[in-house]
Amino acid sequence: MLKNFIQFILFTYLCISSVNAESFLNFNVIGNERVSTQTIINFSNLETGTDLSENDFNQALKNIYDTNFFELVNLDIINKTLNITVKEFPIIQDIEFKGIKTKKLTNWKEYLNKDEIDFIEAHPQDWLEKYKEAWHLIKA
């Protein structure tokens, strides 16, 4: 009898604790410099006034991380306001080589500007092949 009662209490607690839905009325985005506030809100795919489960929070967090613009993302609701705190990845804006002839350095800059590549520090493997190709142009 006592065992059944404890199982019932445990089952009831687990059912109630897994249904922790929260709603919010406003967005507040903190830490963004290059990516606009509205863009970050759109990335989250969340809407004000809806009840959010833990899965909804996790999916919104994943959606924002999947953009590859942010190093850190945090979501929390305080006083009916969803706070989205982000830290953007730094962007490499300039590469400087010393000791290379000016003529060849001009070819390097032209090669990179041709494609207008944004070098994001988070994914250096994405531009490593471009770097290698450009390096062969300089050496030629």
N, C-alpha and C. Protein backbone atom coordinates (compact mmCIF):
# COMPACT_ATOMS: atom_id res chain seq x y z
N MET A 1 0.82 -1.18 0.00
CA MET A 1 0.00 0.00 0.00
C MET A 1 0.88 1.26 0.00
N LEU A 2 1.86 1.30 0.88
CA LEU A 2 2.76 2.45 0.97
C LEU A 2 3.58 2.57 -0.32
N LYS A 3 3.98 1.44 -0.87
CA LYS A 3 4.75 1.45 -2.11
C LYS A 3 3.91 2.04 -3.24
N ASN A 4 2.63 1.68 -3.34
CA ASN A 4 1.74 2.22 -4.37
C ASN A 4 1.54 3.72 -4.19
N PHE A 5 1.43 4.17 -2.95
CA PHE A 5 1.25 5.59 -2.67
C PHE A 5 2.49 6.38 -3.10
N ILE A 6 3.68 5.86 -2.80
CA ILE A 6 4.92 6.53 -3.18
C ILE A 6 5.05 6.58 -4.70
N GLN A 7 4.69 5.49 -5.37
CA GLN A 7 4.73 5.48 -6.83
C GLN A 7 3.76 6.51 -7.42
N PHE A 8 2.58 6.62 -6.83
CA PHE A 8 1.59 7.60 -7.29
C PHE A 8 2.13 9.03 -7.12
N ILE A 9 2.69 9.32 -5.98
CA ILE A 9 3.26 10.65 -5.72
C ILE A 9 4.39 10.94 -6.71
N LEU A 10 5.27 9.99 -6.91
CA LEU A 10 6.39 10.16 -7.84
C LEU A 10 5.88 10.38 -9.26
N PHE A 11 4.92 9.59 -9.69
CA PHE A 11 4.35 9.72 -11.03
C PHE A 11 3.69 11.09 -11.21
N THR A 12 2.93 11.52 -10.22
CA THR A 12 2.26 12.82 -10.27
C THR A 12 3.28 13.95 -10.35
N TYR A 13 4.34 13.87 -9.56
CA TYR A 13 5.39 14.90 -9.58
C TYR A 13 6.05 14.97 -10.95
N LEU A 14 6.37 13.82 -11.53
CA LEU A 14 7.01 13.81 -12.85
C LEU A 14 6.10 14.37 -13.93
N CYS A 15 4.83 14.06 -13.86
CA CYS A 15 3.88 14.59 -14.86
C CYS A 15 3.73 16.10 -14.74
N ILE A 16 3.65 16.59 -13.53
CA ILE A 16 3.47 18.03 -13.32
C ILE A 16 4.75 18.79 -13.66
N SER A 17 5.90 18.26 -13.27
CA SER A 17 7.16 18.99 -13.49
C SER A 17 7.54 19.04 -14.96
N SER A 18 7.08 18.09 -15.78
CA SER A 18 7.44 18.11 -17.19
C SER A 18 6.58 19.06 -18.01
N VAL A 19 5.55 19.64 -17.40
CA VAL A 19 4.66 20.54 -18.11
C VAL A 19 4.89 21.97 -17.63
N ASN A 20 6.14 22.39 -17.58
CA ASN A 20 6.49 23.74 -17.17
C ASN A 20 6.47 24.67 -18.37
N ALA A 21 5.32 25.15 -18.72
CA ALA A 21 5.20 26.06 -19.86
C ALA A 21 5.18 27.49 -19.35
N GLU A 22 5.92 28.33 -20.02
CA GLU A 22 5.95 29.75 -19.67
C GLU A 22 5.57 30.56 -20.91
N SER A 23 4.98 31.70 -20.67
CA SER A 23 4.68 32.60 -21.79
C SER A 23 5.37 33.93 -21.53
N PHE A 24 5.52 34.71 -22.60
CA PHE A 24 6.16 36.01 -22.47
C PHE A 24 5.45 37.00 -23.38
N LEU A 25 5.61 38.27 -23.08
CA LEU A 25 4.92 39.32 -23.82
C LEU A 25 5.86 40.17 -24.66
N ASN A 26 7.16 40.19 -24.31
CA ASN A 26 8.14 41.04 -25.01
C ASN A 26 9.44 40.28 -25.24
N PHE A 27 10.19 40.78 -26.22
CA PHE A 27 11.55 40.30 -26.48
C PHE A 27 12.54 41.37 -26.02
N ASN A 28 13.69 40.93 -25.55
CA ASN A 28 14.79 41.82 -25.24
C ASN A 28 16.07 41.12 -25.69
N VAL A 29 16.75 41.68 -26.69
CA VAL A 29 17.98 41.07 -27.22
C VAL A 29 19.16 41.89 -26.71
N ILE A 30 20.13 41.19 -26.14
CA ILE A 30 21.29 41.84 -25.51
C ILE A 30 22.57 41.30 -26.15
N GLY A 31 23.52 42.18 -26.47
CA GLY A 31 24.85 41.77 -26.90
C GLY A 31 25.06 41.76 -28.41
N ASN A 32 24.03 42.01 -29.18
CA ASN A 32 24.20 41.99 -30.64
C ASN A 32 24.82 43.29 -31.11
N GLU A 33 25.76 43.17 -32.06
CA GLU A 33 26.43 44.34 -32.63
C GLU A 33 26.17 44.44 -34.13
N ARG A 34 26.39 43.34 -34.85
CA ARG A 34 26.22 43.37 -36.31
C ARG A 34 24.87 42.80 -36.75
N VAL A 35 24.38 41.79 -36.05
CA VAL A 35 23.11 41.16 -36.42
C VAL A 35 21.99 41.93 -35.72
N SER A 36 20.98 42.33 -36.48
CA SER A 36 19.91 43.15 -35.92
C SER A 36 19.06 42.37 -34.92
N THR A 37 18.43 43.11 -34.03
CA THR A 37 17.56 42.52 -33.01
C THR A 37 16.43 41.73 -33.66
N GLN A 38 15.79 42.29 -34.66
CA GLN A 38 14.67 41.61 -35.31
C GLN A 38 15.12 40.33 -36.01
N THR A 39 16.31 40.33 -36.56
CA THR A 39 16.84 39.14 -37.21
C THR A 39 17.03 38.02 -36.20
N ILE A 40 17.56 38.34 -35.03
CA ILE A 40 17.75 37.34 -33.98
C ILE A 40 16.41 36.79 -33.51
N ILE A 41 15.44 37.66 -33.36
CA ILE A 41 14.09 37.23 -32.97
C ILE A 41 13.53 36.28 -34.03
N ASN A 42 13.72 36.63 -35.30
CA ASN A 42 13.25 35.76 -36.38
C ASN A 42 13.95 34.41 -36.37
N PHE A 43 15.25 34.40 -36.08
CA PHE A 43 15.99 33.15 -36.00
C PHE A 43 15.40 32.22 -34.94
N SER A 44 14.91 32.79 -33.84
CA SER A 44 14.40 31.98 -32.73
C SER A 44 13.10 31.26 -33.08
N ASN A 45 12.34 31.78 -34.03
CA ASN A 45 11.04 31.22 -34.41
C ASN A 45 10.05 31.19 -33.25
N LEU A 46 10.20 32.11 -32.30
CA LEU A 46 9.28 32.20 -31.17
C LEU A 46 8.34 33.38 -31.37
N GLU A 47 7.14 33.27 -30.81
CA GLU A 47 6.16 34.35 -30.90
C GLU A 47 5.68 34.72 -29.50
N THR A 48 5.43 35.99 -29.29
CA THR A 48 4.95 36.44 -27.99
C THR A 48 3.55 35.89 -27.73
N GLY A 49 3.27 35.68 -26.44
CA GLY A 49 1.94 35.24 -26.03
C GLY A 49 1.68 33.76 -26.11
N THR A 50 2.64 32.97 -26.59
CA THR A 50 2.44 31.52 -26.66
C THR A 50 3.11 30.85 -25.47
N ASP A 51 2.55 29.74 -25.03
CA ASP A 51 3.15 28.96 -23.95
C ASP A 51 4.33 28.17 -24.51
N LEU A 52 5.47 28.31 -23.86
CA LEU A 52 6.69 27.67 -24.34
C LEU A 52 7.09 26.55 -23.41
N SER A 53 7.35 25.40 -23.97
CA SER A 53 7.85 24.27 -23.20
C SER A 53 9.37 24.30 -23.21
N GLU A 54 9.96 23.38 -22.48
CA GLU A 54 11.42 23.28 -22.47
C GLU A 54 11.93 22.92 -23.87
N ASN A 55 11.18 22.10 -24.59
CA ASN A 55 11.56 21.75 -25.96
C ASN A 55 11.55 22.97 -26.88
N ASP A 56 10.56 23.86 -26.69
CA ASP A 56 10.51 25.09 -27.49
C ASP A 56 11.74 25.95 -27.23
N PHE A 57 12.13 26.08 -25.95
CA PHE A 57 13.34 26.84 -25.61
C PHE A 57 14.57 26.22 -26.26
N ASN A 58 14.67 24.90 -26.14
CA ASN A 58 15.84 24.22 -26.72
C ASN A 58 15.90 24.38 -28.23
N GLN A 59 14.75 24.30 -28.89
CA GLN A 59 14.72 24.46 -30.35
C GLN A 59 15.10 25.89 -30.75
N ALA A 60 14.60 26.88 -30.00
CA ALA A 60 14.95 28.27 -30.30
C ALA A 60 16.45 28.49 -30.12
N LEU A 61 17.00 27.93 -29.07
CA LEU A 61 18.44 28.04 -28.82
C LEU A 61 19.22 27.40 -29.95
N LYS A 62 18.80 26.22 -30.38
CA LYS A 62 19.46 25.53 -31.49
C LYS A 62 19.34 26.33 -32.79
N ASN A 63 18.16 26.90 -33.04
CA ASN A 63 17.96 27.71 -34.26
C ASN A 63 18.93 28.88 -34.31
N ILE A 64 19.12 29.54 -33.19
CA ILE A 64 20.01 30.70 -33.15
C ILE A 64 21.47 30.26 -33.32
N TYR A 65 21.86 29.19 -32.62
CA TYR A 65 23.23 28.68 -32.77
C TYR A 65 23.51 28.21 -34.20
N ASP A 66 22.52 27.61 -34.84
CA ASP A 66 22.71 27.07 -36.19
C ASP A 66 23.00 28.14 -37.24
N THR A 67 22.79 29.40 -36.92
CA THR A 67 23.11 30.47 -37.87
C THR A 67 24.62 30.68 -38.00
N ASN A 68 25.39 30.18 -37.02
CA ASN A 68 26.85 30.32 -36.98
C ASN A 68 27.32 31.76 -36.85
N PHE A 69 26.45 32.63 -36.34
CA PHE A 69 26.84 34.01 -36.09
C PHE A 69 27.24 34.21 -34.62
N PHE A 70 26.89 33.26 -33.75
CA PHE A 70 27.00 33.51 -32.31
C PHE A 70 27.85 32.45 -31.62
N GLU A 71 28.72 32.96 -30.76
CA GLU A 71 29.59 32.11 -29.95
C GLU A 71 28.84 31.61 -28.72
N LEU A 72 28.04 32.47 -28.12
CA LEU A 72 27.24 32.14 -26.94
C LEU A 72 25.83 32.65 -27.11
N VAL A 73 24.85 31.88 -26.65
CA VAL A 73 23.45 32.29 -26.67
C VAL A 73 22.81 31.83 -25.37
N ASN A 74 22.02 32.71 -24.76
CA ASN A 74 21.32 32.37 -23.53
C ASN A 74 19.89 32.88 -23.64
N LEU A 75 18.92 32.07 -23.23
CA LEU A 75 17.51 32.46 -23.23
C LEU A 75 16.97 32.34 -21.82
N ASP A 76 16.24 33.36 -21.36
CA ASP A 76 15.52 33.27 -20.10
C ASP A 76 14.36 34.25 -20.09
N ILE A 77 13.33 33.90 -19.31
CA ILE A 77 12.15 34.76 -19.19
C ILE A 77 12.16 35.37 -17.80
N ILE A 78 12.13 36.69 -17.78
CA ILE A 78 12.07 37.44 -16.52
C ILE A 78 10.97 38.48 -16.67
N ASN A 79 10.01 38.45 -15.76
CA ASN A 79 8.89 39.40 -15.77
C ASN A 79 8.20 39.45 -17.12
N LYS A 80 7.87 38.28 -17.67
CA LYS A 80 7.15 38.16 -18.94
C LYS A 80 7.91 38.73 -20.14
N THR A 81 9.24 38.87 -20.01
CA THR A 81 10.09 39.32 -21.11
C THR A 81 11.10 38.22 -21.42
N LEU A 82 11.15 37.81 -22.68
CA LEU A 82 12.15 36.82 -23.10
C LEU A 82 13.44 37.56 -23.40
N ASN A 83 14.46 37.28 -22.60
CA ASN A 83 15.78 37.87 -22.79
C ASN A 83 16.62 36.92 -23.61
N ILE A 84 17.10 37.40 -24.74
CA ILE A 84 18.01 36.63 -25.59
C ILE A 84 19.36 37.33 -25.51
N THR A 85 20.31 36.69 -24.85
CA THR A 85 21.65 37.26 -24.70
C THR A 85 22.58 36.52 -25.65
N VAL A 86 23.29 37.28 -26.49
CA VAL A 86 24.18 36.68 -27.48
C VAL A 86 25.57 37.28 -27.40
N LYS A 87 26.55 36.50 -27.85
CA LYS A 87 27.90 37.00 -28.06
C LYS A 87 28.27 36.59 -29.47
N GLU A 88 28.50 37.56 -30.33
CA GLU A 88 28.78 37.28 -31.73
C GLU A 88 30.22 36.80 -31.92
N PHE A 89 30.41 35.91 -32.91
CA PHE A 89 31.75 35.52 -33.29
C PHE A 89 32.45 36.73 -33.89
N PRO A 90 33.74 36.91 -33.61
CA PRO A 90 34.47 37.99 -34.28
C PRO A 90 34.65 37.66 -35.76
N ILE A 91 34.69 38.69 -36.58
CA ILE A 91 34.90 38.52 -38.01
C ILE A 91 36.30 39.01 -38.34
N ILE A 92 37.03 38.23 -39.11
CA ILE A 92 38.37 38.63 -39.55
C ILE A 92 38.18 39.56 -40.74
N GLN A 93 38.55 40.83 -40.57
CA GLN A 93 38.30 41.82 -41.59
C GLN A 93 39.50 42.09 -42.48
N ASP A 94 40.69 41.72 -42.02
CA ASP A 94 41.88 42.06 -42.80
C ASP A 94 42.95 41.00 -42.55
N ILE A 95 43.65 40.64 -43.60
CA ILE A 95 44.79 39.74 -43.50
C ILE A 95 45.98 40.48 -44.08
N GLU A 96 47.03 40.58 -43.30
CA GLU A 96 48.21 41.32 -43.74
C GLU A 96 49.40 40.38 -43.82
N PHE A 97 50.10 40.44 -44.94
CA PHE A 97 51.31 39.65 -45.13
C PHE A 97 52.49 40.61 -45.22
N LYS A 98 53.56 40.25 -44.56
CA LYS A 98 54.77 41.06 -44.62
C LYS A 98 55.84 40.27 -45.35
N GLY A 99 56.57 40.95 -46.22
CA GLY A 99 57.66 40.32 -46.93
C GLY A 99 57.28 39.78 -48.30
N ILE A 100 56.05 39.97 -48.71
CA ILE A 100 55.62 39.51 -50.03
C ILE A 100 55.67 40.72 -50.97
N LYS A 101 56.09 40.48 -52.20
CA LYS A 101 56.19 41.58 -53.15
C LYS A 101 54.82 42.22 -53.36
N THR A 102 54.82 43.53 -53.54
CA THR A 102 53.60 44.30 -53.67
C THR A 102 52.72 43.80 -54.81
N LYS A 103 53.35 43.44 -55.95
CA LYS A 103 52.58 42.98 -57.10
C LYS A 103 51.77 41.73 -56.74
N LYS A 104 52.40 40.79 -56.08
CA LYS A 104 51.71 39.56 -55.71
C LYS A 104 50.66 39.82 -54.63
N LEU A 105 50.92 40.73 -53.72
CA LEU A 105 49.94 41.04 -52.68
C LEU A 105 48.69 41.65 -53.29
N THR A 106 48.83 42.43 -54.34
CA THR A 106 47.68 42.98 -55.05
C THR A 106 46.82 41.85 -55.62
N ASN A 107 47.45 40.83 -56.21
CA ASN A 107 46.70 39.68 -56.71
C ASN A 107 45.90 39.01 -55.60
N TRP A 108 46.50 38.89 -54.43
CA TRP A 108 45.84 38.28 -53.28
C TRP A 108 44.58 39.05 -52.91
N LYS A 109 44.70 40.35 -52.80
CA LYS A 109 43.54 41.16 -52.43
C LYS A 109 42.46 41.11 -53.49
N GLU A 110 42.85 41.14 -54.74
CA GLU A 110 41.87 41.05 -55.82
C GLU A 110 41.15 39.71 -55.78
N TYR A 111 41.87 38.65 -55.52
CA TYR A 111 41.28 37.31 -55.48
C TYR A 111 40.22 37.23 -54.38
N LEU A 112 40.54 37.75 -53.21
CA LEU A 112 39.58 37.68 -52.10
C LEU A 112 38.42 38.64 -52.29
N ASN A 113 38.65 39.84 -52.78
CA ASN A 113 37.57 40.81 -52.96
C ASN A 113 36.60 40.37 -54.04
N LYS A 114 37.08 39.58 -54.98
CA LYS A 114 36.24 39.10 -56.08
C LYS A 114 35.02 38.36 -55.54
N ASP A 115 35.20 37.56 -54.50
CA ASP A 115 34.10 36.76 -53.95
C ASP A 115 33.44 37.41 -52.73
N GLU A 116 33.98 38.51 -52.26
CA GLU A 116 33.46 39.22 -51.08
C GLU A 116 33.18 38.25 -49.94
N ILE A 117 34.23 37.61 -49.47
CA ILE A 117 34.11 36.59 -48.44
C ILE A 117 34.12 37.25 -47.06
N ASP A 118 33.20 36.84 -46.19
CA ASP A 118 33.26 37.21 -44.78
C ASP A 118 33.98 36.08 -44.06
N PHE A 119 35.11 36.40 -43.48
CA PHE A 119 35.85 35.40 -42.73
C PHE A 119 35.35 35.39 -41.31
N ILE A 120 34.67 34.34 -40.93
CA ILE A 120 34.18 34.20 -39.56
C ILE A 120 35.12 33.27 -38.84
N GLU A 121 35.58 33.71 -37.69
CA GLU A 121 36.58 32.97 -36.93
C GLU A 121 36.10 31.58 -36.56
N ALA A 122 34.79 31.37 -36.47
CA ALA A 122 34.24 30.10 -36.05
C ALA A 122 34.47 29.00 -37.08
N HIS A 123 34.62 29.34 -38.35
CA HIS A 123 34.72 28.34 -39.40
C HIS A 123 35.90 28.58 -40.33
N PRO A 124 37.10 28.50 -39.80
CA PRO A 124 38.26 28.73 -40.68
C PRO A 124 38.40 27.65 -41.74
N GLN A 125 37.86 26.44 -41.48
CA GLN A 125 37.97 25.38 -42.47
C GLN A 125 37.20 25.73 -43.74
N ASP A 126 36.16 26.58 -43.63
CA ASP A 126 35.36 26.96 -44.79
C ASP A 126 36.16 27.79 -45.79
N TRP A 127 37.12 28.56 -45.32
CA TRP A 127 37.87 29.39 -46.26
C TRP A 127 39.31 28.93 -46.43
N LEU A 128 39.65 27.80 -45.81
CA LEU A 128 41.01 27.31 -45.93
C LEU A 128 41.37 26.99 -47.38
N GLU A 129 40.45 26.38 -48.12
CA GLU A 129 40.71 26.06 -49.52
C GLU A 129 40.91 27.34 -50.35
N LYS A 130 40.10 28.37 -50.11
CA LYS A 130 40.27 29.65 -50.82
C LYS A 130 41.64 30.23 -50.52
N TYR A 131 42.06 30.13 -49.26
CA TYR A 131 43.37 30.63 -48.85
C TYR A 131 44.47 29.91 -49.61
N LYS A 132 44.36 28.59 -49.70
CA LYS A 132 45.38 27.81 -50.40
C LYS A 132 45.45 28.19 -51.87
N GLU A 133 44.28 28.36 -52.51
CA GLU A 133 44.25 28.74 -53.92
C GLU A 133 44.88 30.12 -54.11
N ALA A 134 44.56 31.04 -53.24
CA ALA A 134 45.12 32.39 -53.35
C ALA A 134 46.62 32.37 -53.11
N TRP A 135 47.08 31.53 -52.19
CA TRP A 135 48.50 31.43 -51.91
C TRP A 135 49.26 30.95 -53.14
N HIS A 136 48.67 30.03 -53.89
CA HIS A 136 49.31 29.55 -55.11
C HIS A 136 49.38 30.67 -56.15
N LEU A 137 48.39 31.56 -56.18
CA LEU A 137 48.45 32.71 -57.08
C LEU A 137 49.60 33.64 -56.72
N ILE A 138 49.82 33.82 -55.41
CA ILE A 138 50.89 34.72 -54.97
C ILE A 138 52.25 34.12 -55.32
N LYS A 139 52.39 32.83 -55.13
CA LYS A 139 53.67 32.18 -55.38
C LYS A 139 53.99 32.12 -56.89
N ALA A 140 52.99 32.22 -57.72
CA ALA A 140 53.20 32.10 -59.17
C ALA A 140 53.94 33.29 -59.75
